[in-house]
């Protein structure tokens, strides 16, 4: 499975109807929907779909047509997300009606069509070659997909003696940056406490990152 590490967008026009598609991490989904409704109050529809991995391993899915004919907008987007094996992802498509009805078939093509265009944008995002660790051989810039392998959320305890507490804190900070870049999820500090032997930090984040931390700080 894959997820997305940052928002991407695209625009499509079909018979003068404008479709603005936004694909983003699920953690940002509800807040972004509120913002888009505020930014586009005259839009006719704000269609949504999402896929979310629950802590117990269940996948929760949802789609909303927001006034479009049933099954012509939200569900085609959701089927696209399933086909692309995307998880922890939210999609919002804002539509401005252009005066000509597209019919059920036209709608069922246009809505996932603008999402496909946004996902194509996600495949190669320009950035700092030093940050990505790669550079192309033409202009020294780097590209990296915002679609990354998904990792299950995990938690664990990290331990260090008092003399190495600062090093542990730095390791957690670096791991948080790596987790955000690789999986679009941070490493969160749940608790810090002191024992007679040193420092214990409870963390939560992508399973791969947490396991690597625990190997060094258990």
Protein backbone atom coordinates (compact mmCIF):
# COMPACT_ATOMS: atom_id res chain seq x y z
CA UNK A 1 0.00 0.00 0.00
CA UNK A 2 0.98 3.62 -0.51
CA UNK A 3 0.14 6.96 1.03
CA UNK A 4 0.73 10.60 0.17
CA UNK A 5 3.13 12.85 2.08
CA UNK A 6 1.78 16.24 1.04
CA UNK A 7 -1.09 17.91 -0.78
CA UNK A 8 -1.23 17.88 -4.57
CA UNK A 9 -3.88 19.38 -6.82
CA UNK A 10 -5.04 19.62 -10.42
CA UNK A 11 -7.75 21.31 -12.44
CA UNK A 12 -9.92 19.91 -15.22
CA UNK A 13 -12.53 21.61 -17.41
CA UNK A 14 -15.34 19.66 -19.03
CA UNK A 15 -18.06 21.47 -21.02
CA UNK A 16 -17.28 24.66 -19.07
CA UNK A 17 -17.61 22.92 -15.71
CA UNK A 18 -14.47 23.37 -13.61
CA UNK A 19 -13.22 20.55 -11.41
CA UNK A 20 -10.56 21.39 -8.80
CA UNK A 21 -9.07 18.23 -7.31
CA UNK A 22 -7.08 18.04 -4.08
CA UNK A 23 -5.38 14.88 -2.76
CA UNK A 24 -3.81 15.08 0.69
CA UNK A 25 -2.88 13.15 3.85
CA UNK A 26 -5.99 12.12 5.77
CA UNK A 27 -4.75 13.96 8.88
CA UNK A 28 -5.31 17.23 6.99
CA UNK A 29 -8.57 16.20 5.34
CA UNK A 30 -11.27 17.70 7.56
CA UNK A 31 -9.49 21.01 8.11
CA UNK A 32 -8.77 21.35 4.39
CA UNK A 33 -12.41 20.67 3.52
CA UNK A 34 -13.48 23.49 5.84
CA UNK A 35 -10.98 25.85 4.22
CA UNK A 36 -12.01 24.93 0.68
CA UNK A 37 -15.67 25.45 1.46
CA UNK A 38 -14.75 28.90 2.74
CA UNK A 39 -12.53 29.68 -0.26
CA UNK A 40 -15.10 28.41 -2.79
CA UNK A 41 -18.50 29.39 -1.36
CA UNK A 42 -20.05 29.66 -4.84
CA UNK A 43 -18.98 26.19 -5.94
CA UNK A 44 -21.86 23.83 -6.64
CA UNK A 45 -20.33 20.73 -5.08
CA UNK A 46 -17.54 19.68 -2.71
CA UNK A 47 -17.26 15.94 -3.36
CA UNK A 48 -15.10 13.87 -1.02
CA UNK A 49 -13.63 10.40 -0.60
CA UNK A 50 -11.15 8.89 1.83
CA UNK A 51 -9.40 5.70 2.96
CA UNK A 52 -8.09 5.38 6.51
CA UNK A 53 -6.27 2.59 8.33
CA UNK A 54 -7.64 2.14 11.84
CA UNK A 55 -5.36 1.06 14.73
CA UNK A 56 -7.01 -2.37 14.81
CA UNK A 57 -6.07 -2.97 11.17
CA UNK A 58 -9.49 -2.23 9.68
CA UNK A 59 -9.64 0.01 6.62
CA UNK A 60 -12.35 2.66 6.88
CA UNK A 61 -13.59 4.10 3.60
CA UNK A 62 -16.06 6.81 2.74
CA UNK A 63 -17.40 8.81 -0.19
CA UNK A 64 -19.84 11.71 -0.43
CA UNK A 65 -21.53 12.98 -3.60
CA UNK A 66 -22.57 16.34 -2.09
CA UNK A 67 -25.63 16.73 -4.26
CA UNK A 68 -24.38 15.06 -7.43
CA UNK A 69 -26.43 12.08 -8.70
CA UNK A 70 -25.80 9.10 -6.44
CA UNK A 71 -22.76 7.06 -7.38
CA UNK A 72 -21.43 9.45 -10.02
CA UNK A 73 -18.71 11.26 -8.07
CA UNK A 74 -17.62 10.13 -4.62
CA UNK A 75 -17.67 6.40 -5.37
CA UNK A 76 -15.70 6.64 -8.64
CA UNK A 77 -13.03 8.56 -6.71
CA UNK A 78 -13.02 5.94 -3.95
CA UNK A 79 -12.67 3.14 -6.50
CA UNK A 80 -9.66 4.97 -7.92
CA UNK A 81 -8.07 5.18 -4.46
CA UNK A 82 -8.65 1.46 -3.96
CA UNK A 83 -7.18 0.66 -7.37
CA UNK A 84 -4.11 2.76 -6.61
CA UNK A 85 -3.74 1.00 -3.23
CA UNK A 86 -3.74 4.34 -1.40
CA UNK A 87 -4.35 4.54 2.35
CA UNK A 88 -4.57 7.35 4.91
CA UNK A 89 -5.55 9.65 2.06
CA UNK A 90 -8.36 12.17 1.60
CA UNK A 91 -9.68 13.65 -1.65
CA UNK A 92 -11.74 16.78 -2.19
CA UNK A 93 -13.06 17.83 -5.60
CA UNK A 94 -14.63 21.26 -5.94
CA UNK A 95 -16.97 21.67 -8.91
CA UNK A 96 -18.26 24.82 -10.54
CA UNK A 97 -21.17 23.96 -12.85
CA UNK A 98 -20.65 25.32 -16.36
CA UNK A 99 -24.24 25.28 -17.53
CA UNK A 100 -24.19 22.01 -19.46
CA UNK A 101 -25.11 18.73 -17.80
CA UNK A 102 -22.45 16.06 -18.19
CA UNK A 103 -24.69 13.07 -17.56
CA UNK A 104 -23.90 10.24 -15.20
CA UNK A 105 -21.16 8.86 -17.43
CA UNK A 106 -19.52 12.25 -17.86
CA UNK A 107 -19.52 12.89 -14.13
CA UNK A 108 -18.16 9.41 -13.39
CA UNK A 109 -15.24 10.16 -15.73
CA UNK A 110 -14.58 13.77 -14.76
CA UNK A 111 -14.35 13.33 -10.99
CA UNK A 112 -11.76 10.53 -10.94
CA UNK A 113 -10.13 12.17 -13.96
CA UNK A 114 -9.09 15.27 -12.04
CA UNK A 115 -7.88 13.08 -9.17
CA UNK A 116 -5.74 11.06 -11.60
CA UNK A 117 -4.24 14.33 -12.82
CA UNK A 118 -3.41 15.35 -9.25
CA UNK A 119 -1.82 11.97 -8.55
CA UNK A 120 0.30 12.38 -11.68
CA UNK A 121 1.57 15.65 -10.19
CA UNK A 122 2.44 13.76 -7.01
CA UNK A 123 4.81 11.44 -8.85
CA UNK A 124 7.60 14.00 -9.31
CA UNK A 125 7.82 16.99 -6.98
CA UNK A 126 10.88 19.23 -7.49
CA UNK A 127 12.97 19.88 -4.42
CA UNK A 128 16.37 20.30 -2.86
CA UNK A 129 18.75 17.55 -3.99
CA UNK A 130 20.54 17.63 -0.63
CA UNK A 131 17.26 17.01 1.17
CA UNK A 132 16.33 14.13 -1.13
CA UNK A 133 19.81 12.68 -1.50
CA UNK A 134 19.48 12.48 -5.29
CA UNK A 135 19.98 14.87 -8.17
CA UNK A 136 19.28 14.59 -11.86
CA UNK A 137 22.14 15.01 -14.29
CA UNK A 138 20.72 17.99 -16.16
CA UNK A 139 20.14 20.91 -13.86
CA UNK A 140 21.13 19.70 -10.41
CA UNK A 141 17.58 19.63 -9.07
CA UNK A 142 15.94 16.62 -7.51
CA UNK A 143 12.53 15.09 -7.88
CA UNK A 144 10.79 12.78 -5.52
CA UNK A 145 7.34 11.28 -5.49
CA UNK A 146 4.94 12.36 -2.79
CA UNK A 147 3.46 8.89 -3.07
CA UNK A 148 5.40 6.77 -0.61
CA UNK A 149 5.14 3.29 0.83
CA UNK A 150 2.68 3.23 3.71
CA UNK A 151 3.82 2.15 7.16
CA UNK A 152 1.61 1.08 10.04
CA UNK A 153 1.52 3.37 13.08
CA UNK A 154 3.44 1.93 16.03
CA UNK A 155 4.60 3.03 19.48
CA UNK A 156 7.47 2.15 21.78
CA UNK A 157 9.73 3.24 24.61
CA UNK A 158 13.28 4.51 24.10
CA UNK A 159 15.86 4.49 26.90
CA UNK A 160 19.19 6.20 27.54
CA UNK A 161 21.45 6.85 30.50
CA UNK A 162 21.64 10.42 31.75
CA UNK A 163 24.90 11.01 29.88
CA UNK A 164 23.23 10.12 26.57
CA UNK A 165 19.90 11.90 27.06
CA UNK A 166 20.87 14.70 24.68
CA UNK A 167 21.87 12.19 22.00
CA UNK A 168 18.54 10.40 22.40
CA UNK A 169 16.61 13.65 22.01
CA UNK A 170 18.55 14.39 18.84
CA UNK A 171 17.86 10.90 17.48
CA UNK A 172 14.12 11.37 18.05
CA UNK A 173 14.20 14.76 16.32
CA UNK A 174 16.02 13.37 13.29
CA UNK A 175 13.67 10.38 13.16
CA UNK A 176 10.68 12.75 13.16
CA UNK A 177 12.07 14.58 10.12
CA UNK A 178 12.74 11.31 8.32
CA UNK A 179 9.29 9.94 9.13
CA UNK A 180 7.60 13.06 7.78
CA UNK A 181 9.63 12.95 4.58
CA UNK A 182 9.28 9.21 3.99
CA UNK A 183 5.76 8.49 5.21
CA UNK A 184 4.03 11.84 5.66
CA UNK A 185 3.67 11.08 9.38
CA UNK A 186 5.71 12.54 12.23
CA UNK A 187 7.22 10.77 15.20
CA UNK A 188 5.25 12.02 18.20
CA UNK A 189 6.63 12.12 21.73
CA UNK A 190 3.92 10.73 24.00
CA UNK A 191 5.77 11.02 27.32
CA UNK A 192 9.16 11.78 28.86
CA UNK A 193 10.15 10.52 32.28
CA UNK A 194 13.23 9.91 34.39
CA UNK A 195 14.18 6.74 36.21
CA UNK A 196 17.10 5.98 38.47
CA UNK A 197 18.98 4.70 35.42
CA UNK A 198 18.29 7.56 33.01
CA UNK A 199 15.65 8.86 30.60
CA UNK A 200 12.68 7.09 29.01
CA UNK A 201 10.87 8.61 26.02
CA UNK A 202 7.63 7.07 24.73
CA UNK A 203 7.13 7.71 21.02
CA UNK A 204 4.62 6.94 18.28
CA UNK A 205 5.15 6.98 14.54
CA UNK A 206 5.61 4.85 11.40
CA UNK A 207 6.42 1.28 12.42
CA UNK A 208 9.67 1.11 10.44
CA UNK A 209 11.02 4.28 12.05
CA UNK A 210 10.02 3.23 15.57
CA UNK A 211 11.62 -0.21 15.19
CA UNK A 212 14.87 1.37 14.02
CA UNK A 213 14.87 3.71 17.02
CA UNK A 214 14.23 0.86 19.41
CA UNK A 215 17.18 -1.09 18.01
CA UNK A 216 19.49 1.74 19.03
CA UNK A 217 17.74 2.95 22.19
CA UNK A 218 16.19 -0.02 23.96
